[in-house]
Amino acid sequence: MTKRKVEIFSAGCPICENTIELVNSLACPSCEIVIHDMHDESVQQQAKKLGVNSIPAVAINGKLATCCQGRGVSAEALKAGGIGTPL
């Protein structure tokens, strides 16, 4: 039987733990869940290749889930919030 590989990138924080619980509650017998510790340098490199910009993040069959794309801190968003502009 072919399995769907579900990878969770986590740093062990409460929000990460909630994501792990959510994925586990939604998973079916076809899902193989792997939890990666972002404190591991090799995991960080793997996450970077997938385009992970913030955690927690989930990849399904080697592709970042749409819910996890495009997030993270960006200079543009910080500037739009006023950072760098004197009051």
PDB file of N, CA and C in Angstrom:
ATOM      1  N   MET A   1       0.834  -1.174   0.000  1.00  0.00           N
ATOM      2  CA  MET A   1       0.000   0.000   0.000  1.00  0.00           C
ATOM      3  C   MET A   1       0.887   1.249   0.000  1.00  0.00           C
ATOM      4  N   THR A   2       0.546   2.205  -0.852  1.00  0.00           N
ATOM      5  CA  THR A   2       1.264   3.465  -0.915  1.00  0.00           C
ATOM      6  C   THR A   2       0.787   4.378   0.206  1.00  0.00           C
ATOM      7  N   LYS A   3       1.726   5.065   0.818  1.00  0.00           N
ATOM      8  CA  LYS A   3       1.397   5.980   1.912  1.00  0.00           C
ATOM      9  C   LYS A   3       1.585   7.427   1.449  1.00  0.00           C
ATOM     10  N   ARG A   4       0.806   8.311   2.034  1.00  0.00           N
ATOM     11  CA  ARG A   4       0.970   9.754   1.842  1.00  0.00           C
ATOM     12  C   ARG A   4       1.914  10.215   2.941  1.00  0.00           C
ATOM     13  N   LYS A   5       3.041  10.835   2.561  1.00  0.00           N
ATOM     14  CA  LYS A   5       4.018  11.275   3.554  1.00  0.00           C
ATOM     15  C   LYS A   5       3.662  12.687   4.005  1.00  0.00           C
ATOM     16  N   VAL A   6       3.389  12.823   5.293  1.00  0.00           N
ATOM     17  CA  VAL A   6       3.034  14.101   5.897  1.00  0.00           C
ATOM     18  C   VAL A   6       4.155  14.477   6.861  1.00  0.00           C
ATOM     19  N   GLU A   7       4.854  15.569   6.543  1.00  0.00           N
ATOM     20  CA  GLU A   7       5.975  16.010   7.359  1.00  0.00           C
ATOM     21  C   GLU A   7       5.589  17.281   8.100  1.00  0.00           C
ATOM     22  N   ILE A   8       5.829  17.289   9.403  1.00  0.00           N
ATOM     23  CA  ILE A   8       5.549  18.454  10.226  1.00  0.00           C
ATOM     24  C   ILE A   8       6.885  19.010  10.710  1.00  0.00           C
ATOM     25  N   PHE A   9       7.108  20.299  10.442  1.00  0.00           N
ATOM     26  CA  PHE A   9       8.320  20.970  10.888  1.00  0.00           C
ATOM     27  C   PHE A   9       7.964  21.742  12.150  1.00  0.00           C
ATOM     28  N   SER A  10       8.608  21.373  13.259  1.00  0.00           N
ATOM     29  CA  SER A  10       8.228  21.869  14.581  1.00  0.00           C
ATOM     30  C   SER A  10       9.451  22.274  15.386  1.00  0.00           C
ATOM     31  N   ALA A  11       9.246  23.257  16.270  1.00  0.00           N
ATOM     32  CA  ALA A  11      10.290  23.636  17.222  1.00  0.00           C
ATOM     33  C   ALA A  11       9.878  23.275  18.638  1.00  0.00           C
ATOM     34  N   GLY A  12       8.775  22.548  18.772  1.00  0.00           N
ATOM     35  CA  GLY A  12       8.337  22.100  20.087  1.00  0.00           C
ATOM     36  C   GLY A  12       7.530  23.114  20.868  1.00  0.00           C
ATOM     37  N   CYS A  13       7.153  24.222  20.243  1.00  0.00           N
ATOM     38  CA  CYS A  13       6.379  25.251  20.944  1.00  0.00           C
ATOM     39  C   CYS A  13       4.907  24.827  21.042  1.00  0.00           C
ATOM     40  N   PRO A  14       4.115  25.495  21.882  1.00  0.00           N
ATOM     41  CA  PRO A  14       2.698  25.114  22.010  1.00  0.00           C
ATOM     42  C   PRO A  14       1.922  25.170  20.693  1.00  0.00           C
ATOM     43  N   ILE A  15       2.207  26.155  19.848  1.00  0.00           N
ATOM     44  CA  ILE A  15       1.505  26.237  18.560  1.00  0.00           C
ATOM     45  C   ILE A  15       1.904  25.051  17.676  1.00  0.00           C
ATOM     46  N   CYS A  16       3.173  24.690  17.706  1.00  0.00           N
ATOM     47  CA  CYS A  16       3.633  23.514  16.953  1.00  0.00           C
ATOM     48  C   CYS A  16       2.930  22.250  17.457  1.00  0.00           C
ATOM     49  N   GLU A  17       2.824  22.130  18.776  1.00  0.00           N
ATOM     50  CA  GLU A  17       2.160  20.959  19.357  1.00  0.00           C
ATOM     51  C   GLU A  17       0.695  20.891  18.929  1.00  0.00           C
ATOM     52  N   ASN A  18       0.026  22.050  18.860  1.00  0.00           N
ATOM     53  CA  ASN A  18      -1.363  22.081  18.388  1.00  0.00           C
ATOM     54  C   ASN A  18      -1.465  21.607  16.945  1.00  0.00           C
ATOM     55  N   THR A  19      -0.495  21.981  16.125  1.00  0.00           N
ATOM     56  CA  THR A  19      -0.492  21.556  14.719  1.00  0.00           C
ATOM     57  C   THR A  19      -0.287  20.051  14.622  1.00  0.00           C
ATOM     58  N   ILE A  20       0.603  19.521  15.434  1.00  0.00           N
ATOM     59  CA  ILE A  20       0.839  18.071  15.435  1.00  0.00           C
ATOM     60  C   ILE A  20      -0.442  17.342  15.826  1.00  0.00           C
ATOM     61  N   GLU A  21      -1.123  17.842  16.857  1.00  0.00           N
ATOM     62  CA  GLU A  21      -2.388  17.231  17.281  1.00  0.00           C
ATOM     63  C   GLU A  21      -3.433  17.307  16.168  1.00  0.00           C
ATOM     64  N   LEU A  22      -3.522  18.450  15.481  1.00  0.00           N
ATOM     65  CA  LEU A  22      -4.485  18.616  14.389  1.00  0.00           C
ATOM     66  C   LEU A  22      -4.217  17.625  13.262  1.00  0.00           C
ATOM     67  N   VAL A  23      -2.955  17.541  12.838  1.00  0.00           N
ATOM     68  CA  VAL A  23      -2.600  16.613  11.755  1.00  0.00           C
ATOM     69  C   VAL A  23      -2.913  15.182  12.173  1.00  0.00           C
ATOM     70  N   ASN A  24      -2.551  14.823  13.392  1.00  0.00           N
ATOM     71  CA  ASN A  24      -2.838  13.461  13.871  1.00  0.00           C
ATOM     72  C   ASN A  24      -4.335  13.177  13.912  1.00  0.00           C
ATOM     73  N   SER A  25      -5.135  14.181  14.271  1.00  0.00           N
ATOM     74  CA  SER A  25      -6.588  13.964  14.337  1.00  0.00           C
ATOM     75  C   SER A  25      -7.211  13.823  12.958  1.00  0.00           C
ATOM     76  N   LEU A  26      -6.590  14.430  11.944  1.00  0.00           N
ATOM     77  CA  LEU A  26      -7.122  14.369  10.579  1.00  0.00           C
ATOM     78  C   LEU A  26      -6.573  13.191   9.780  1.00  0.00           C
ATOM     79  N   ALA A  27      -5.466  12.637  10.218  1.00  0.00           N
ATOM     80  CA  ALA A  27      -4.771  11.597   9.453  1.00  0.00           C
ATOM     81  C   ALA A  27      -5.611  10.332   9.315  1.00  0.00           C
ATOM     82  N   CYS A  28      -5.377   9.661   8.199  1.00  0.00           N
ATOM     83  CA  CYS A  28      -6.038   8.381   7.939  1.00  0.00           C
ATOM     84  C   CYS A  28      -4.962   7.293   7.857  1.00  0.00           C
ATOM     85  N   PRO A  29      -5.363   6.040   7.703  1.00  0.00           N
ATOM     86  CA  PRO A  29      -4.370   4.967   7.618  1.00  0.00           C
ATOM     87  C   PRO A  29      -3.401   5.108   6.442  1.00  0.00           C
ATOM     88  N   SER A  30      -3.743   5.926   5.441  1.00  0.00           N
ATOM     89  CA  SER A  30      -2.860   6.137   4.297  1.00  0.00           C
ATOM     90  C   SER A  30      -1.788   7.180   4.584  1.00  0.00           C
ATOM     91  N   CYS A  31      -1.840   7.812   5.742  1.00  0.00           N
ATOM     92  CA  CYS A  31      -0.897   8.877   6.084  1.00  0.00           C
ATOM     93  C   CYS A  31       0.256   8.349   6.930  1.00  0.00           C
ATOM     94  N   GLU A  32       1.460   8.683   6.506  1.00  0.00           N
ATOM     95  CA  GLU A  32       2.663   8.408   7.290  1.00  0.00           C
ATOM     96  C   GLU A  32       3.140   9.748   7.822  1.00  0.00           C
ATOM     97  N   ILE A  33       3.038   9.971   9.108  1.00  0.00           N
ATOM     98  CA  ILE A  33       3.368  11.260   9.703  1.00  0.00           C
ATOM     99  C   ILE A  33       4.788  11.226  10.250  1.00  0.00           C
ATOM    100  N   VAL A  34       5.572  12.242   9.851  1.00  0.00           N
ATOM    101  CA  VAL A  34       6.944  12.393  10.318  1.00  0.00           C
ATOM    102  C   VAL A  34       7.059  13.777  10.937  1.00  0.00           C
ATOM    103  N   ILE A  35       7.558  13.843  12.160  1.00  0.00           N
ATOM    104  CA  ILE A  35       7.738  15.119  12.836  1.00  0.00           C
ATOM    105  C   ILE A  35       9.229  15.451  12.831  1.00  0.00           C
ATOM    106  N   HIS A  36       9.545  16.627  12.271  1.00  0.00           N
ATOM    107  CA  HIS A  36      10.935  17.075  12.177  1.00  0.00           C
ATOM    108  C   HIS A  36      11.201  18.148  13.227  1.00  0.00           C
ATOM    109  N   ASP A  37      12.347  18.045  13.895  1.00  0.00           N
ATOM    110  CA  ASP A  37      12.760  19.012  14.910  1.00  0.00           C
ATOM    111  C   ASP A  37      13.615  20.092  14.256  1.00  0.00           C
ATOM    112  N   MET A  38      13.103  21.319  14.226  1.00  0.00           N
ATOM    113  CA  MET A  38      13.806  22.420  13.577  1.00  0.00           C
ATOM    114  C   MET A  38      15.082  22.829  14.313  1.00  0.00           C
ATOM    115  N   HIS A  39      15.343  22.256  15.478  1.00  0.00           N
ATOM    116  CA  HIS A  39      16.608  22.517  16.161  1.00  0.00           C
ATOM    117  C   HIS A  39      17.761  21.757  15.495  1.00  0.00           C
ATOM    118  N   ASP A  40      17.444  20.807  14.630  1.00  0.00           N
ATOM    119  CA  ASP A  40      18.425  19.997  13.913  1.00  0.00           C
ATOM    120  C   ASP A  40      18.815  20.727  12.618  1.00  0.00           C
ATOM    121  N   GLU A  41      20.105  20.950  12.427  1.00  0.00           N
ATOM    122  CA  GLU A  41      20.581  21.709  11.271  1.00  0.00           C
ATOM    123  C   GLU A  41      20.201  21.063   9.938  1.00  0.00           C
ATOM    124  N   SER A  42      20.226  19.737   9.856  1.00  0.00           N
ATOM    125  CA  SER A  42      19.853  19.075   8.602  1.00  0.00           C
ATOM    126  C   SER A  42      18.368  19.263   8.301  1.00  0.00           C
ATOM    127  N   VAL A  43      17.547  19.328   9.343  1.00  0.00           N
ATOM    128  CA  VAL A  43      16.117  19.583   9.175  1.00  0.00           C
ATOM    129  C   VAL A  43      15.918  21.016   8.688  1.00  0.00           C
ATOM    130  N   GLN A  44      16.691  21.953   9.224  1.00  0.00           N
ATOM    131  CA  GLN A  44      16.601  23.341   8.781  1.00  0.00           C
ATOM    132  C   GLN A  44      16.910  23.456   7.293  1.00  0.00           C
ATOM    133  N   GLN A  45      17.909  22.730   6.833  1.00  0.00           N
ATOM    134  CA  GLN A  45      18.277  22.754   5.411  1.00  0.00           C
ATOM    135  C   GLN A  45      17.157  22.161   4.560  1.00  0.00           C
ATOM    136  N   GLN A  46      16.574  21.066   5.023  1.00  0.00           N
ATOM    137  CA  GLN A  46      15.462  20.439   4.302  1.00  0.00           C
ATOM    138  C   GLN A  46      14.269  21.401   4.234  1.00  0.00           C
ATOM    139  N   ALA A  47      13.979  22.068   5.346  1.00  0.00           N
ATOM    140  CA  ALA A  47      12.866  23.012   5.395  1.00  0.00           C
ATOM    141  C   ALA A  47      13.099  24.169   4.430  1.00  0.00           C
ATOM    142  N   LYS A  48      14.310  24.651   4.378  1.00  0.00           N
ATOM    143  CA  LYS A  48      14.646  25.763   3.476  1.00  0.00           C
ATOM    144  C   LYS A  48      14.419  25.358   2.024  1.00  0.00           C
ATOM    145  N   LYS A  49      14.811  24.136   1.664  1.00  0.00           N
ATOM    146  CA  LYS A  49      14.608  23.649   0.293  1.00  0.00           C
ATOM    147  C   LYS A  49      13.126  23.578  -0.065  1.00  0.00           C
ATOM    148  N   LEU A  50      12.288  23.291   0.925  1.00  0.00           N
ATOM    149  CA  LEU A  50      10.843  23.213   0.688  1.00  0.00           C
ATOM    150  C   LEU A  50      10.182  24.589   0.663  1.00  0.00           C
ATOM    151  N   GLY A  51      10.899  25.621   1.122  1.00  0.00           N
ATOM    152  CA  GLY A  51      10.336  26.956   1.151  1.00  0.00           C
ATOM    153  C   GLY A  51       9.665  27.323   2.453  1.00  0.00           C
ATOM    154  N   VAL A  52       9.989  26.609   3.533  1.00  0.00           N
ATOM    155  CA  VAL A  52       9.413  26.917   4.841  1.00  0.00           C
ATOM    156  C   VAL A  52       9.957  28.269   5.301  1.00  0.00           C
ATOM    157  N   ASN A  53       9.045  29.200   5.603  1.00  0.00           N
ATOM    158  CA  ASN A  53       9.424  30.523   6.096  1.00  0.00           C
ATOM    159  C   ASN A  53       9.057  30.732   7.551  1.00  0.00           C
ATOM    160  N   SER A  54       8.172  29.902   8.074  1.00  0.00           N
ATOM    161  CA  SER A  54       7.788  29.989   9.476  1.00  0.00           C
ATOM    162  C   SER A  54       7.304  28.616   9.926  1.00  0.00           C
ATOM    163  N   ILE A  55       7.323  28.425  11.232  1.00  0.00           N
ATOM    164  CA  ILE A  55       6.872  27.154  11.776  1.00  0.00           C
ATOM    165  C   ILE A  55       5.747  27.386  12.764  1.00  0.00           C
ATOM    166  N   PRO A  56       4.889  26.433  12.942  1.00  0.00           N
ATOM    167  CA  PRO A  56       4.915  25.106  12.343  1.00  0.00           C
ATOM    168  C   PRO A  56       4.591  25.163  10.855  1.00  0.00           C
ATOM    169  N   ALA A  57       5.058  24.161  10.148  1.00  0.00           N
ATOM    170  CA  ALA A  57       4.775  24.017   8.727  1.00  0.00           C
ATOM    171  C   ALA A  57       4.549  22.544   8.418  1.00  0.00           C
ATOM    172  N   VAL A  58       3.745  22.299   7.390  1.00  0.00           N
ATOM    173  CA  VAL A  58       3.415  20.929   7.003  1.00  0.00           C
ATOM    174  C   VAL A  58       3.699  20.757   5.518  1.00  0.00           C
ATOM    175  N   ALA A  59       4.367  19.666   5.176  1.00  0.00           N
ATOM    176  CA  ALA A  59       4.596  19.297   3.786  1.00  0.00           C
ATOM    177  C   ALA A  59       3.904  17.964   3.544  1.00  0.00           C
ATOM    178  N   ILE A  60       3.285  17.850   2.375  1.00  0.00           N
ATOM    179  CA  ILE A  60       2.588  16.621   2.001  1.00  0.00           C
ATOM    180  C   ILE A  60       3.216  16.106   0.719  1.00  0.00           C
ATOM    181  N   ASN A  61       3.744  14.892   0.796  1.00  0.00           N
ATOM    182  CA  ASN A  61       4.437  14.280  -0.338  1.00  0.00           C
ATOM    183  C   ASN A  61       5.505  15.202  -0.922  1.00  0.00           C
ATOM    184  N   GLY A  62       6.279  15.824  -0.042  1.00  0.00           N
ATOM    185  CA  GLY A  62       7.412  16.631  -0.469  1.00  0.00           C
ATOM    186  C   GLY A  62       7.086  18.030  -0.939  1.00  0.00           C
ATOM    187  N   LYS A  63       5.837  18.473  -0.766  1.00  0.00           N
ATOM    188  CA  LYS A  63       5.435  19.812  -1.191  1.00  0.00           C
ATOM    189  C   LYS A  63       4.795  20.533  -0.012  1.00  0.00           C
ATOM    190  N   LEU A  64       5.231  21.784   0.199  1.00  0.00           N
ATOM    191  CA  LEU A  64       4.691  22.581   1.289  1.00  0.00           C
ATOM    192  C   LEU A  64       3.190  22.754   1.098  1.00  0.00           C
ATOM    193  N   ALA A  65       2.410  22.471   2.152  1.00  0.00           N
ATOM    194  CA  ALA A  65       0.955  22.613   2.077  1.00  0.00           C
ATOM    195  C   ALA A  65       0.601  24.076   1.825  1.00  0.00           C
ATOM    196  N   THR A  66      -0.471  24.318   1.086  1.00  0.00           N
ATOM    197  CA  THR A  66      -0.845  25.687   0.732  1.00  0.00           C
ATOM    198  C   THR A  66      -1.064  26.552   1.967  1.00  0.00           C
ATOM    199  N   CYS A  67      -1.513  25.972   3.070  1.00  0.00           N
ATOM    200  CA  CYS A  67      -1.724  26.746   4.295  1.00  0.00           C
ATOM    201  C   CYS A  67      -0.416  27.262   4.873  1.00  0.00           C
ATOM    202  N   CYS A  68       0.704  26.710   4.440  1.00  0.00           N
ATOM    203  CA  CYS A  68       1.998  27.053   5.024  1.00  0.00           C
ATOM    204  C   CYS A  68       2.889  27.853   4.076  1.00  0.00           C
ATOM    205  N   GLN A  69       2.360  28.239   2.941  1.00  0.00           N
ATOM    206  CA  GLN A  69       3.146  28.976   1.954  1.00  0.00           C
ATOM    207  C   GLN A  69       3.015  30.476   2.167  1.00  0.00           C
ATOM    208  N   GLY A  70       4.092  31.197   1.900  1.00  0.00           N
ATOM    209  CA  GLY A  70       4.050  32.645   1.887  1.00  0.00           C
ATOM    210  C   GLY A  70       4.022  33.325   3.237  1.00  0.00           C
ATOM    211  N   ARG A  71       4.167  32.576   4.300  1.00  0.00           N
ATOM    212  CA  ARG A  71       4.169  33.204   5.616  1.00  0.00           C
ATOM    213  C   ARG A  71       5.589  33.548   6.011  1.00  0.00           C
ATOM    214  N   GLY A  72       5.706  34.156   7.154  1.00  0.00           N
ATOM    215  CA  GLY A  72       7.023  34.493   7.664  1.00  0.00           C
ATOM    216  C   GLY A  72       7.228  35.986   7.696  1.00  0.00           C
ATOM    217  N   VAL A  73       8.310  36.393   8.314  1.00  0.00           N
ATOM    218  CA  VAL A  73       8.633  37.798   8.455  1.00  0.00           C
ATOM    219  C   VAL A  73       9.252  38.293   7.153  1.00  0.00           C
ATOM    220  N   SER A  74       8.769  39.447   6.689  1.00  0.00           N
ATOM    221  CA  SER A  74       9.362  40.052   5.497  1.00  0.00           C
ATOM    222  C   SER A  74       9.630  41.523   5.774  1.00  0.00           C
ATOM    223  N   ALA A  75      10.673  42.043   5.153  1.00  0.00           N
ATOM    224  CA  ALA A  75      11.011  43.449   5.312  1.00  0.00           C
ATOM    225  C   ALA A  75       9.855  44.334   4.855  1.00  0.00           C
ATOM    226  N   GLU A  76       9.189  43.939   3.765  1.00  0.00           N
ATOM    227  CA  GLU A  76       8.092  44.739   3.215  1.00  0.00           C
ATOM    228  C   GLU A  76       6.951  44.870   4.232  1.00  0.00           C
ATOM    229  N   ALA A  77       6.590  43.771   4.858  1.00  0.00           N
ATOM    230  CA  ALA A  77       5.497  43.793   5.834  1.00  0.00           C
ATOM    231  C   ALA A  77       5.879  44.613   7.065  1.00  0.00           C
ATOM    232  N   LEU A  78       7.124  44.512   7.496  1.00  0.00           N
ATOM    233  CA  LEU A  78       7.573  45.285   8.650  1.00  0.00           C
ATOM    234  C   LEU A  78       7.554  46.779   8.340  1.00  0.00           C
ATOM    235  N   LYS A  79       8.033  47.140   7.148  1.00  0.00           N
ATOM    236  CA  LYS A  79       8.021  48.547   6.747  1.00  0.00           C
ATOM    237  C   LYS A  79       6.595  49.055   6.626  1.00  0.00           C
ATOM    238  N   ALA A  80       5.705  48.234   6.098  1.00  0.00           N
ATOM    239  CA  ALA A  80       4.289  48.629   5.963  1.00  0.00           C
ATOM    240  C   ALA A  80       3.673  48.872   7.340  1.00  0.00           C
ATOM    241  N   GLY A  81       4.181  48.193   8.351  1.00  0.00           N
ATOM    242  CA  GLY A  81       3.700  48.382   9.714  1.00  0.00           C
ATOM    243  C   GLY A  81       4.338  49.591  10.404  1.00  0.00           C
ATOM    244  N   GLY A  82       5.247  50.273   9.729  1.00  0.00           N
ATOM    245  CA  GLY A  82       5.837  51.484  10.256  1.00  0.00           C
ATOM    246  C   GLY A  82       7.249  51.347  10.776  1.00  0.00           C
ATOM    247  N   ILE A  83       7.793  50.146  10.806  1.00  0.00           N
ATOM    248  CA  ILE A  83       9.158  49.973  11.316  1.00  0.00           C
ATOM    249  C   ILE A  83      10.122  50.680  10.365  1.00  0.00           C
ATOM    250  N   GLY A  84      11.000  51.477  10.958  1.00  0.00           N
ATOM    251  CA  GLY A  84      11.975  52.219  10.170  1.00  0.00           C
ATOM    252  C   GLY A  84      11.529  53.620   9.798  1.00  0.00           C
ATOM    253  N   THR A  85      10.281  53.958  10.095  1.00  0.00           N
ATOM    254  CA  THR A  85       9.753  55.287   9.798  1.00  0.00           C
ATOM    255  C   THR A  85       9.618  56.059  11.113  1.00  0.00           C
ATOM    256  N   PRO A  86      10.342  57.161  11.248  1.00  0.00           N
ATOM    257  CA  PRO A  86      10.236  57.932  12.489  1.00  0.00           C
ATOM    258  C   PRO A  86       8.814  58.419  12.724  1.00  0.00           C
ATOM    259  N   LEU A  87       8.445  58.534  14.009  1.00  0.00           N
ATOM    260  CA  LEU A  87       7.101  59.010  14.360  1.00  0.00           C
ATOM    261  C   LEU A  87       7.001  60.512  14.271  1.00  0.00           C
TER     262      LEU A  87
END
